[in-house]
Amino acid sequence: MTASSIGAYDAKTHLPALLDQVERGDSVTITKYGRAVARLVPVRSRSTAESVIAALRSARVGVRLDGDSVREMVEEGRR
């Protein structure tokens, strides 16, 4: 992934090309009077979030609290 910088006026003029660049995985910083004000970055794939959720769910399978409630464990940890 590469990063580039472009002025606000040029970004407005070349927005379709910038979106193509971001779609390929690059990020683009938009500047105003030489100061960074915004960044165009690719959207993370929803499947990535779904895979993380699935991994968390599978990791907790079989985990038991041995009859204690979460509140009891929190209180125990505070002692």
PDB file of N, CA and C in Angstrom:
ATOM      1  N   MET A   1       0.842  -1.173   0.000  1.00  0.00           N
ATOM      2  CA  MET A   1       0.000   0.000   0.000  1.00  0.00           C
ATOM      3  C   MET A   1       0.889   1.238   0.000  1.00  0.00           C
ATOM      4  N   THR A   2       0.624   2.132  -0.905  1.00  0.00           N
ATOM      5  CA  THR A   2       1.401   3.355  -0.967  1.00  0.00           C
ATOM      6  C   THR A   2       0.525   4.536  -0.581  1.00  0.00           C
ATOM      7  N   ALA A   3       1.166   5.611  -0.200  1.00  0.00           N
ATOM      8  CA  ALA A   3       0.443   6.819   0.186  1.00  0.00           C
ATOM      9  C   ALA A   3       0.904   7.960  -0.700  1.00  0.00           C
ATOM     10  N   SER A   4      -0.031   8.830  -1.028  1.00  0.00           N
ATOM     11  CA  SER A   4       0.316  10.005  -1.803  1.00  0.00           C
ATOM     12  C   SER A   4      -0.424  11.202  -1.230  1.00  0.00           C
ATOM     13  N   SER A   5      -0.088  12.377  -1.705  1.00  0.00           N
ATOM     14  CA  SER A   5      -0.676  13.609  -1.209  1.00  0.00           C
ATOM     15  C   SER A   5      -1.120  14.453  -2.401  1.00  0.00           C
ATOM     16  N   ILE A   6      -2.245  15.152  -2.238  1.00  0.00           N
ATOM     17  CA  ILE A   6      -2.780  15.977  -3.314  1.00  0.00           C
ATOM     18  C   ILE A   6      -3.519  17.164  -2.708  1.00  0.00           C
ATOM     19  N   GLY A   7      -3.468  18.307  -3.380  1.00  0.00           N
ATOM     20  CA  GLY A   7      -4.180  19.493  -2.929  1.00  0.00           C
ATOM     21  C   GLY A   7      -5.687  19.339  -3.115  1.00  0.00           C
ATOM     22  N   ALA A   8      -6.458  20.092  -2.342  1.00  0.00           N
ATOM     23  CA  ALA A   8      -7.914  19.981  -2.358  1.00  0.00           C
ATOM     24  C   ALA A   8      -8.496  20.273  -3.738  1.00  0.00           C
ATOM     25  N   TYR A   9      -8.009  21.294  -4.425  1.00  0.00           N
ATOM     26  CA  TYR A   9      -8.543  21.633  -5.745  1.00  0.00           C
ATOM     27  C   TYR A   9      -8.291  20.490  -6.725  1.00  0.00           C
ATOM     28  N   ASP A  10      -7.063  19.963  -6.728  1.00  0.00           N
ATOM     29  CA  ASP A  10      -6.742  18.857  -7.624  1.00  0.00           C
ATOM     30  C   ASP A  10      -7.522  17.599  -7.253  1.00  0.00           C
ATOM     31  N   ALA A  11      -7.754  17.393  -5.956  1.00  0.00           N
ATOM     32  CA  ALA A  11      -8.527  16.225  -5.526  1.00  0.00           C
ATOM     33  C   ALA A  11      -9.947  16.309  -6.084  1.00  0.00           C
ATOM     34  N   LYS A  12     -10.537  17.493  -6.036  1.00  0.00           N
ATOM     35  CA  LYS A  12     -11.886  17.673  -6.566  1.00  0.00           C
ATOM     36  C   LYS A  12     -11.900  17.420  -8.072  1.00  0.00           C
ATOM     37  N   THR A  13     -10.885  17.902  -8.732  1.00  0.00           N
ATOM     38  CA  THR A  13     -10.810  17.768 -10.181  1.00  0.00           C
ATOM     39  C   THR A  13     -10.582  16.325 -10.613  1.00  0.00           C
ATOM     40  N   HIS A  14      -9.818  15.580  -9.835  1.00  0.00           N
ATOM     41  CA  HIS A  14      -9.416  14.226 -10.211  1.00  0.00           C
ATOM     42  C   HIS A  14     -10.016  13.144  -9.306  1.00  0.00           C
ATOM     43  N   LEU A  15     -11.173  13.410  -8.710  1.00  0.00           N
ATOM     44  CA  LEU A  15     -11.750  12.475  -7.756  1.00  0.00           C
ATOM     45  C   LEU A  15     -11.935  11.062  -8.315  1.00  0.00           C
ATOM     46  N   PRO A  16     -12.475  10.871  -9.517  1.00  0.00           N
ATOM     47  CA  PRO A  16     -12.632   9.493 -10.014  1.00  0.00           C
ATOM     48  C   PRO A  16     -11.306   8.723 -10.070  1.00  0.00           C
ATOM     49  N   ALA A  17     -10.242   9.378 -10.503  1.00  0.00           N
ATOM     50  CA  ALA A  17      -8.932   8.717 -10.564  1.00  0.00           C
ATOM     51  C   ALA A  17      -8.416   8.410  -9.160  1.00  0.00           C
ATOM     52  N   LEU A  18      -8.667   9.314  -8.208  1.00  0.00           N
ATOM     53  CA  LEU A  18      -8.244   9.074  -6.829  1.00  0.00           C
ATOM     54  C   LEU A  18      -8.992   7.883  -6.235  1.00  0.00           C
ATOM     55  N   LEU A  19     -10.282   7.781  -6.526  1.00  0.00           N
ATOM     56  CA  LEU A  19     -11.063   6.651  -6.027  1.00  0.00           C
ATOM     57  C   LEU A  19     -10.563   5.340  -6.613  1.00  0.00           C
ATOM     58  N   ASP A  20     -10.165   5.351  -7.877  1.00  0.00           N
ATOM     59  CA  ASP A  20      -9.578   4.150  -8.483  1.00  0.00           C
ATOM     60  C   ASP A  20      -8.289   3.766  -7.757  1.00  0.00           C
ATOM     61  N   GLN A  21      -7.481   4.767  -7.446  1.00  0.00           N
ATOM     62  CA  GLN A  21      -6.216   4.536  -6.748  1.00  0.00           C
ATOM     63  C   GLN A  21      -6.478   3.941  -5.360  1.00  0.00           C
ATOM     64  N   VAL A  22      -7.454   4.479  -4.649  1.00  0.00           N
ATOM     65  CA  VAL A  22      -7.787   3.979  -3.317  1.00  0.00           C
ATOM     66  C   VAL A  22      -8.360   2.566  -3.404  1.00  0.00           C
ATOM     67  N   GLU A  23      -9.152   2.310  -4.425  1.00  0.00           N
ATOM     68  CA  GLU A  23      -9.727   0.984  -4.607  1.00  0.00           C
ATOM     69  C   GLU A  23      -8.639  -0.076  -4.797  1.00  0.00           C
ATOM     70  N   ARG A  24      -7.514   0.327  -5.371  1.00  0.00           N
ATOM     71  CA  ARG A  24      -6.383  -0.588  -5.560  1.00  0.00           C
ATOM     72  C   ARG A  24      -5.593  -0.801  -4.267  1.00  0.00           C
ATOM     73  N   GLY A  25      -5.958  -0.093  -3.198  1.00  0.00           N
ATOM     74  CA  GLY A  25      -5.300  -0.298  -1.916  1.00  0.00           C
ATOM     75  C   GLY A  25      -4.432   0.848  -1.442  1.00  0.00           C
ATOM     76  N   ASP A  26      -4.273   1.883  -2.237  1.00  0.00           N
ATOM     77  CA  ASP A  26      -3.456   3.028  -1.835  1.00  0.00           C
ATOM     78  C   ASP A  26      -4.264   3.955  -0.932  1.00  0.00           C
ATOM     79  N   SER A  27      -3.571   4.829  -0.212  1.00  0.00           N
ATOM     80  CA  SER A  27      -4.250   5.881   0.545  1.00  0.00           C
ATOM     81  C   SER A  27      -3.792   7.221  -0.015  1.00  0.00           C
ATOM     82  N   VAL A  28      -4.676   8.210   0.071  1.00  0.00           N
ATOM     83  CA  VAL A  28      -4.389   9.539  -0.480  1.00  0.00           C
ATOM     84  C   VAL A  28      -4.681  10.570   0.599  1.00  0.00           C
ATOM     85  N   THR A  29      -3.706  11.425   0.882  1.00  0.00           N
ATOM     86  CA  THR A  29      -3.895  12.520   1.823  1.00  0.00           C
ATOM     87  C   THR A  29      -4.257  13.768   1.037  1.00  0.00           C
ATOM     88  N   ILE A  30      -5.316  14.433   1.456  1.00  0.00           N
ATOM     89  CA  ILE A  30      -5.759  15.671   0.807  1.00  0.00           C
ATOM     90  C   ILE A  30      -5.298  16.837   1.667  1.00  0.00           C
ATOM     91  N   THR A  31      -4.644  17.798   1.023  1.00  0.00           N
ATOM     92  CA  THR A  31      -4.108  18.945   1.750  1.00  0.00           C
ATOM     93  C   THR A  31      -4.851  20.223   1.370  1.00  0.00           C
ATOM     94  N   LYS A  32      -4.815  21.168   2.276  1.00  0.00           N
ATOM     95  CA  LYS A  32      -5.385  22.495   2.030  1.00  0.00           C
ATOM     96  C   LYS A  32      -4.336  23.491   2.498  1.00  0.00           C
ATOM     97  N   TYR A  33      -3.843  24.288   1.576  1.00  0.00           N
ATOM     98  CA  TYR A  33      -2.766  25.238   1.858  1.00  0.00           C
ATOM     99  C   TYR A  33      -1.545  24.532   2.445  1.00  0.00           C
ATOM    100  N   GLY A  34      -1.269  23.325   1.926  1.00  0.00           N
ATOM    101  CA  GLY A  34      -0.096  22.581   2.341  1.00  0.00           C
ATOM    102  C   GLY A  34      -0.243  21.804   3.648  1.00  0.00           C
ATOM    103  N   ARG A  35      -1.418  21.853   4.273  1.00  0.00           N
ATOM    104  CA  ARG A  35      -1.650  21.169   5.550  1.00  0.00           C
ATOM    105  C   ARG A  35      -2.612  20.013   5.329  1.00  0.00           C
ATOM    106  N   ALA A  36      -2.270  18.842   5.800  1.00  0.00           N
ATOM    107  CA  ALA A  36      -3.130  17.658   5.637  1.00  0.00           C
ATOM    108  C   ALA A  36      -4.445  17.880   6.363  1.00  0.00           C
ATOM    109  N   VAL A  37      -5.567  17.643   5.642  1.00  0.00           N
ATOM    110  CA  VAL A  37      -6.886  17.833   6.252  1.00  0.00           C
ATOM    111  C   VAL A  37      -7.765  16.599   6.155  1.00  0.00           C
ATOM    112  N   ALA A  38      -7.452  15.681   5.258  1.00  0.00           N
ATOM    113  CA  ALA A  38      -8.280  14.484   5.097  1.00  0.00           C
ATOM    114  C   ALA A  38      -7.451  13.373   4.485  1.00  0.00           C
ATOM    115  N   ARG A  39      -7.951  12.146   4.647  1.00  0.00           N
ATOM    116  CA  ARG A  39      -7.270  11.007   4.046  1.00  0.00           C
ATOM    117  C   ARG A  39      -8.309  10.072   3.457  1.00  0.00           C
ATOM    118  N   LEU A  40      -8.101   9.684   2.203  1.00  0.00           N
ATOM    119  CA  LEU A  40      -8.924   8.668   1.554  1.00  0.00           C
ATOM    120  C   LEU A  40      -8.212   7.336   1.741  1.00  0.00           C
ATOM    121  N   VAL A  41      -8.915   6.384   2.336  1.00  0.00           N
ATOM    122  CA  VAL A  41      -8.334   5.063   2.577  1.00  0.00           C
ATOM    123  C   VAL A  41      -9.320   4.001   2.119  1.00  0.00           C
ATOM    124  N   PRO A  42      -8.833   2.828   1.752  1.00  0.00           N
ATOM    125  CA  PRO A  42      -9.741   1.759   1.338  1.00  0.00           C
ATOM    126  C   PRO A  42     -10.638   1.330   2.501  1.00  0.00           C
ATOM    127  N   VAL A  43     -11.837   0.932   2.179  1.00  0.00           N
ATOM    128  CA  VAL A  43     -12.760   0.403   3.174  1.00  0.00           C
ATOM    129  C   VAL A  43     -12.341  -1.023   3.480  1.00  0.00           C
ATOM    130  N   ARG A  44     -12.325  -1.367   4.753  1.00  0.00           N
ATOM    131  CA  ARG A  44     -11.993  -2.738   5.127  1.00  0.00           C
ATOM    132  C   ARG A  44     -13.109  -3.657   4.692  1.00  0.00           C
ATOM    133  N   SER A  45     -12.715  -4.804   4.277  1.00  0.00           N
ATOM    134  CA  SER A  45     -13.674  -5.793   3.825  1.00  0.00           C
ATOM    135  C   SER A  45     -14.532  -6.257   4.985  1.00  0.00           C
ATOM    136  N   ARG A  46     -15.814  -6.363   4.755  1.00  0.00           N
ATOM    137  CA  ARG A  46     -16.719  -6.824   5.800  1.00  0.00           C
ATOM    138  C   ARG A  46     -16.407  -8.266   6.164  1.00  0.00           C
ATOM    139  N   SER A  47     -15.945  -9.026   5.201  1.00  0.00           N
ATOM    140  CA  SER A  47     -15.625 -10.420   5.490  1.00  0.00           C
ATOM    141  C   SER A  47     -14.511 -10.527   6.530  1.00  0.00           C
ATOM    142  N   THR A  48     -13.621  -9.544   6.592  1.00  0.00           N
ATOM    143  CA  THR A  48     -12.568  -9.544   7.600  1.00  0.00           C
ATOM    144  C   THR A  48     -13.178  -9.434   8.992  1.00  0.00           C
ATOM    145  N   ALA A  49     -14.114  -8.508   9.164  1.00  0.00           N
ATOM    146  CA  ALA A  49     -14.776  -8.355  10.462  1.00  0.00           C
ATOM    147  C   ALA A  49     -15.555  -9.609  10.814  1.00  0.00           C
ATOM    148  N   GLU A  50     -16.224 -10.182   9.845  1.00  0.00           N
ATOM    149  CA  GLU A  50     -16.994 -11.400  10.099  1.00  0.00           C
ATOM    150  C   GLU A  50     -16.086 -12.552  10.499  1.00  0.00           C
ATOM    151  N   SER A  51     -14.913 -12.645   9.895  1.00  0.00           N
ATOM    152  CA  SER A  51     -13.995 -13.730  10.247  1.00  0.00           C
ATOM    153  C   SER A  51     -13.448 -13.546  11.660  1.00  0.00           C
ATOM    154  N   VAL A  52     -13.227 -12.305  12.083  1.00  0.00           N
ATOM    155  CA  VAL A  52     -12.762 -12.043  13.446  1.00  0.00           C
ATOM    156  C   VAL A  52     -13.840 -12.426  14.451  1.00  0.00           C
ATOM    157  N   ILE A  53     -15.081 -12.065  14.160  1.00  0.00           N
ATOM    158  CA  ILE A  53     -16.187 -12.423  15.050  1.00  0.00           C
ATOM    159  C   ILE A  53     -16.320 -13.934  15.146  1.00  0.00           C
ATOM    160  N   ALA A  54     -16.227 -14.611  14.027  1.00  0.00           N
ATOM    161  CA  ALA A  54     -16.319 -16.074  14.035  1.00  0.00           C
ATOM    162  C   ALA A  54     -15.185 -16.686  14.850  1.00  0.00           C
ATOM    163  N   ALA A  55     -13.985 -16.138  14.744  1.00  0.00           N
ATOM    164  CA  ALA A  55     -12.844 -16.657  15.502  1.00  0.00           C
ATOM    165  C   ALA A  55     -13.049 -16.455  16.998  1.00  0.00           C
ATOM    166  N   LEU A  56     -13.590 -15.305  17.383  1.00  0.00           N
ATOM    167  CA  LEU A  56     -13.859 -15.055  18.803  1.00  0.00           C
ATOM    168  C   LEU A  56     -14.919 -16.011  19.336  1.00  0.00           C
ATOM    169  N   ARG A  57     -15.956 -16.233  18.537  1.00  0.00           N
ATOM    170  CA  ARG A  57     -17.009 -17.153  18.965  1.00  0.00           C
ATOM    171  C   ARG A  57     -16.481 -18.572  19.116  1.00  0.00           C
ATOM    172  N   SER A  58     -15.642 -19.003  18.193  1.00  0.00           N
ATOM    173  CA  SER A  58     -15.115 -20.369  18.295  1.00  0.00           C
ATOM    174  C   SER A  58     -14.127 -20.492  19.449  1.00  0.00           C
ATOM    175  N   ALA A  59     -13.413 -19.412  19.771  1.00  0.00           N
ATOM    176  CA  ALA A  59     -12.447 -19.452  20.870  1.00  0.00           C
ATOM    177  C   ALA A  59     -13.135 -19.608  22.219  1.00  0.00           C
ATOM    178  N   ARG A  60     -14.349 -19.123  22.333  1.00  0.00           N
ATOM    179  CA  ARG A  60     -15.019 -19.209  23.630  1.00  0.00           C
ATOM    180  C   ARG A  60     -15.802 -20.504  23.820  1.00  0.00           C
ATOM    181  N   VAL A  61     -15.884 -21.342  22.792  1.00  0.00           N
ATOM    182  CA  VAL A  61     -16.585 -22.617  22.909  1.00  0.00           C
ATOM    183  C   VAL A  61     -15.880 -23.465  23.956  1.00  0.00           C
ATOM    184  N   GLY A  62     -16.649 -23.967  24.900  1.00  0.00           N
ATOM    185  CA  GLY A  62     -16.096 -24.818  25.940  1.00  0.00           C
ATOM    186  C   GLY A  62     -15.562 -24.077  27.147  1.00  0.00           C
ATOM    187  N   VAL A  63     -15.528 -22.753  27.111  1.00  0.00           N
ATOM    188  CA  VAL A  63     -15.045 -21.978  28.256  1.00  0.00           C
ATOM    189  C   VAL A  63     -16.157 -21.938  29.295  1.00  0.00           C
ATOM    190  N   ARG A  64     -15.843 -22.362  30.499  1.00  0.00           N
ATOM    191  CA  ARG A  64     -16.827 -22.429  31.574  1.00  0.00           C
ATOM    192  C   ARG A  64     -16.447 -21.468  32.691  1.00  0.00           C
ATOM    193  N   LEU A  65     -17.438 -21.005  33.416  1.00  0.00           N
ATOM    194  CA  LEU A  65     -17.215 -20.097  34.529  1.00  0.00           C
ATOM    195  C   LEU A  65     -17.158 -20.837  35.861  1.00  0.00           C
ATOM    196  N   ASP A  66     -17.226 -22.167  35.858  1.00  0.00           N
ATOM    197  CA  ASP A  66     -17.189 -22.988  37.070  1.00  0.00           C
ATOM    198  C   ASP A  66     -18.241 -22.552  38.084  1.00  0.00           C
ATOM    199  N   GLY A  67     -19.405 -22.172  37.612  1.00  0.00           N
ATOM    200  CA  GLY A  67     -20.514 -21.823  38.485  1.00  0.00           C
ATOM    201  C   GLY A  67     -20.490 -20.404  39.008  1.00  0.00           C
ATOM    202  N   ASP A  68     -19.387 -19.699  38.881  1.00  0.00           N
ATOM    203  CA  ASP A  68     -19.317 -18.318  39.353  1.00  0.00           C
ATOM    204  C   ASP A  68     -19.942 -17.381  38.326  1.00  0.00           C
ATOM    205  N   SER A  69     -20.550 -16.323  38.805  1.00  0.00           N
ATOM    206  CA  SER A  69     -21.071 -15.311  37.894  1.00  0.00           C
ATOM    207  C   SER A  69     -19.944 -14.359  37.532  1.00  0.00           C
ATOM    208  N   VAL A  70     -20.128 -13.625  36.482  1.00  0.00           N
ATOM    209  CA  VAL A  70     -19.123 -12.639  36.069  1.00  0.00           C
ATOM    210  C   VAL A  70     -18.929 -11.627  37.185  1.00  0.00           C
ATOM    211  N   ARG A  71     -20.027 -11.197  37.810  1.00  0.00           N
ATOM    212  CA  ARG A  71     -19.927 -10.223  38.900  1.00  0.00           C
ATOM    213  C   ARG A  71     -19.065 -10.773  40.039  1.00  0.00           C
ATOM    214  N   GLU A  72     -19.252 -12.052  40.399  1.00  0.00           N
ATOM    215  CA  GLU A  72     -18.456 -12.652  41.474  1.00  0.00           C
ATOM    216  C   GLU A  72     -16.976 -12.680  41.110  1.00  0.00           C
ATOM    217  N   MET A  73     -16.677 -12.960  39.853  1.00  0.00           N
ATOM    218  CA  MET A  73     -15.278 -12.980  39.426  1.00  0.00           C
ATOM    219  C   MET A  73     -14.677 -11.581  39.442  1.00  0.00           C
ATOM    220  N   VAL A  74     -15.455 -10.576  39.066  1.00  0.00           N
ATOM    221  CA  VAL A  74     -14.965  -9.203  39.113  1.00  0.00           C
ATOM    222  C   VAL A  74     -14.667  -8.802  40.553  1.00  0.00           C
ATOM    223  N   GLU A  75     -15.596  -9.109  41.446  1.00  0.00           N
ATOM    224  CA  GLU A  75     -15.395  -8.793  42.858  1.00  0.00           C
ATOM    225  C   GLU A  75     -14.161  -9.509  43.414  1.00  0.00           C
ATOM    226  N   GLU A  76     -13.982 -10.778  43.015  1.00  0.00           N
ATOM    227  CA  GLU A  76     -12.807 -11.532  43.458  1.00  0.00           C
ATOM    228  C   GLU A  76     -11.525 -10.870  42.972  1.00  0.00           C
ATOM    229  N   GLY A  77     -11.540 -10.372  41.751  1.00  0.00           N
ATOM    230  CA  GLY A  77     -10.365  -9.718  41.188  1.00  0.00           C
ATOM    231  C   GLY A  77     -10.043  -8.403  41.874  1.00  0.00           C
ATOM    232  N   ARG A  78     -11.029  -7.781  42.496  1.00  0.00           N
ATOM    233  CA  ARG A  78     -10.813  -6.503  43.186  1.00  0.00           C
ATOM    234  C   ARG A  78     -10.222  -6.683  44.573  1.00  0.00           C
ATOM    235  N   ARG A  79     -10.271  -7.892  45.100  1.00  0.00           N
ATOM    236  CA  ARG A  79      -9.749  -8.128  46.463  1.00  0.00           C
ATOM    237  C   ARG A  79      -8.271  -8.271  46.465  1.00  0.00           C
TER     238      ARG A  79
END
